[in-house]
C-alpha atoms as a PDB file:
ATOM      1  CA  MET A   1     108.417 226.529 106.579  1.00  0.00           C
ATOM      2  CA  ALA A   2     109.147 223.969 108.272  1.00  0.00           C
ATOM      3  CA  GLU A   3     112.993 224.573 110.854  1.00  0.00           C
ATOM      4  CA  GLU A   4     115.756 222.976 110.800  1.00  0.00           C
ATOM      5  CA  SER A   5     117.154 221.842 113.737  1.00  0.00           C
ATOM      6  CA  ARG A   6     120.892 222.481 114.070  1.00  0.00           C
ATOM      7  CA  ASN A   7     121.619 220.317 116.937  1.00  0.00           C
ATOM      8  CA  ILE A   8     124.603 217.673 116.926  1.00  0.00           C
ATOM      9  CA  ASP A   9     123.953 213.977 115.202  1.00  0.00           C
ATOM     10  CA  LYS A  10     122.596 212.222 118.494  1.00  0.00           C
ATOM     11  CA  SER A  11     124.817 209.029 117.141  1.00  0.00           C
ATOM     12  CA  TYR A  12     128.278 211.147 117.934  1.00  0.00           C
ATOM     13  CA  PRO A  13     127.914 210.980 121.881  1.00  0.00           C
ATOM     14  CA  ARG A  14     127.452 206.976 121.947  1.00  0.00           C
ATOM     15  CA  ALA A  15     129.888 206.839 119.464  1.00  0.00           C
ATOM     16  CA  TRP A  16     132.645 209.084 121.758  1.00  0.00           C
ATOM     17  CA  ALA A  17     131.255 207.315 124.957  1.00  0.00           C
ATOM     18  CA  VAL A  18     132.787 203.468 123.410  1.00  0.00           C
ATOM     19  CA  ALA A  19     136.128 205.397 121.912  1.00  0.00           C
ATOM     20  CA  ALA A  20     136.428 206.604 125.668  1.00  0.00           C
ATOM     21  CA  VAL A  21     136.110 203.429 127.263  1.00  0.00           C
ATOM     22  CA  GLN A  22     138.540 201.793 125.004  1.00  0.00           C
ATOM     23  CA  ILE A  23     141.236 204.819 125.715  1.00  0.00           C
ATOM     24  CA  ALA A  24     140.942 204.655 129.358  1.00  0.00           C
ATOM     25  CA  VAL A  25     141.834 200.824 129.129  1.00  0.00           C
ATOM     26  CA  VAL A  26     144.601 201.368 126.181  1.00  0.00           C
ATOM     27  CA  LEU A  27     145.925 204.883 128.408  1.00  0.00           C
ATOM     28  CA  LEU A  28     145.783 202.110 131.717  1.00  0.00           C
ATOM     29  CA  LEU A  29     147.147 199.166 130.735  1.00  0.00           C
ATOM     30  CA  ALA A  30     150.172 201.846 128.803  1.00  0.00           C
ATOM     31  CA  SER A  31     151.060 203.069 131.401  1.00  0.00           C
ATOM     32  CA  LEU A  32     151.794 200.135 133.603  1.00  0.00           C
ATOM     33  CA  VAL A  33     154.486 198.087 131.437  1.00  0.00           C
ATOM     34  CA  LEU A  34     157.721 198.629 132.532  1.00  0.00           C
ATOM     35  CA  ASP A  35     159.445 199.643 129.593  1.00  0.00           C
ATOM     36  CA  GLY A  36     160.396 203.281 130.976  1.00  0.00           C
ATOM     37  CA  GLY A  37     157.212 205.522 129.061  1.00  0.00           C
ATOM     38  CA  GLN A  38     157.497 203.648 125.528  1.00  0.00           C
ATOM     39  CA  MET A  39     154.082 202.771 125.256  1.00  0.00           C
ATOM     40  CA  PHE A  40     152.124 205.161 127.583  1.00  0.00           C
ATOM     41  CA  ARG A  41     154.139 207.959 124.718  1.00  0.00           C
ATOM     42  CA  ALA A  42     153.193 205.908 121.993  1.00  0.00           C
ATOM     43  CA  ALA A  43     149.631 206.022 123.488  1.00  0.00           C
ATOM     44  CA  LEU A  44     149.797 209.969 124.394  1.00  0.00           C
ATOM     45  CA  LEU A  45     150.784 210.262 120.380  1.00  0.00           C
ATOM     46  CA  SER A  46     148.324 208.294 119.321  1.00  0.00           C
ATOM     47  CA  LEU A  47     145.319 209.930 121.524  1.00  0.00           C
ATOM     48  CA  MET A  48     146.980 213.598 119.990  1.00  0.00           C
ATOM     49  CA  ALA A  49     146.373 212.280 116.370  1.00  0.00           C
ATOM     50  CA  TYR A  50     142.824 210.568 117.323  1.00  0.00           C
ATOM     51  CA  LEU A  51     141.413 213.018 118.913  1.00  0.00           C
ATOM     52  CA  ALA A  52     142.222 215.974 115.424  1.00  0.00           C
ATOM     53  CA  MET A  53     140.617 212.991 113.172  1.00  0.00           C
ATOM     54  CA  LEU A  54     137.751 213.164 115.852  1.00  0.00           C
ATOM     55  CA  ALA A  55     137.724 217.718 115.307  1.00  0.00           C
ATOM     56  CA  VAL A  56     138.031 216.698 111.195  1.00  0.00           C
ATOM     57  CA  ILE A  57     135.656 214.724 111.379  1.00  0.00           C
ATOM     58  CA  VAL A  58     132.500 216.398 113.543  1.00  0.00           C
ATOM     59  CA  ALA A  59     133.588 219.707 111.735  1.00  0.00           C
ATOM     60  CA  ARG A  60     133.085 217.731 108.504  1.00  0.00           C
ATOM     61  CA  ARG A  61     129.560 217.099 109.126  1.00  0.00           C
ATOM     62  CA  PRO A  62     128.327 217.852 112.759  1.00  0.00           C
ATOM     63  CA  TYR A  63     123.966 217.016 111.839  1.00  0.00           C
ATOM     64  CA  GLN A  64     124.692 214.091 109.508  1.00  0.00           C
ATOM     65  CA  ALA A  65     126.996 211.319 110.870  1.00  0.00           C
ATOM     66  CA  SER A  66     127.661 208.370 108.514  1.00  0.00           C
ATOM     67  CA  PRO A  67     128.452 204.724 108.934  1.00  0.00           C
ATOM     68  CA  GLY A  68     132.056 204.906 108.311  1.00  0.00           C
ATOM     69  CA  ASP A  69     132.330 208.830 110.522  1.00  0.00           C
ATOM     70  CA  LEU A  70     131.329 206.197 113.838  1.00  0.00           C
ATOM     71  CA  VAL A  71     133.318 203.251 112.420  1.00  0.00           C
ATOM     72  CA  ALA A  72     136.588 205.691 112.557  1.00  0.00           C
ATOM     73  CA  ILE A  73     135.363 207.036 115.761  1.00  0.00           C
ATOM     74  CA  LYS A  74     134.595 203.873 117.800  1.00  0.00           C
ATOM     75  CA  CYS A  75     137.664 201.848 116.148  1.00  0.00           C
ATOM     76  CA  GLY A  76     140.060 204.606 115.088  1.00  0.00           C
ATOM     77  CA  PHE A  77     142.486 204.563 118.263  1.00  0.00           C
ATOM     78  CA  LEU A  78     142.780 201.296 119.073  1.00  0.00           C
ATOM     79  CA  LEU A  79     144.070 201.484 114.978  1.00  0.00           C
ATOM     80  CA  MET A  80     146.104 204.099 114.871  1.00  0.00           C
ATOM     81  CA  TYR A  81     147.874 202.893 118.446  1.00  0.00           C
ATOM     82  CA  PRO A  82     150.283 200.197 116.512  1.00  0.00           C
ATOM     83  CA  PHE A  83     151.090 202.705 114.345  1.00  0.00           C
ATOM     84  CA  PHE A  84     152.445 205.133 116.522  1.00  0.00           C
ATOM     85  CA  LEU A  85     153.962 202.311 118.283  1.00  0.00           C
ATOM     86  CA  VAL A  86     156.026 200.784 116.071  1.00  0.00           C
ATOM     87  CA  PHE A  87     157.053 204.380 114.386  1.00  0.00           C
ATOM     88  CA  LEU A  88     157.886 205.289 117.864  1.00  0.00           C
ATOM     89  CA  PHE A  89     160.574 202.233 118.439  1.00  0.00           C
ATOM     90  CA  ALA A  90     161.768 202.530 114.903  1.00  0.00           C
ATOM     91  CA  VAL A  91     162.616 206.222 116.525  1.00  0.00           C
ATOM     92  CA  ARG A  92     163.783 205.315 119.313  1.00  0.00           C
ATOM     93  CA  GLY A  93     166.034 202.029 117.576  1.00  0.00           C
ATOM     94  CA  TYR A  94     164.560 199.545 119.057  1.00  0.00           C
END
């Protein structure tokens, strides 16, 4: 009987690396904007939501990542950021 491997899928770390670079660039650029930290706050809110999404994706399918999971990991933060930015500006009344 073949022993089944229980290691995390090898495609996850590559997707995490792509996302980490994107997140670092967005956080750096958002921290440089002179708007009282509003864009940086939106970036941090997006990061928290992204990390929650990442935890759900990995907990749901740790051994076999689907192509949709990998796209969500690679592009999820960049898709969430504009929505949190608009939400934060709407709440603040800008």
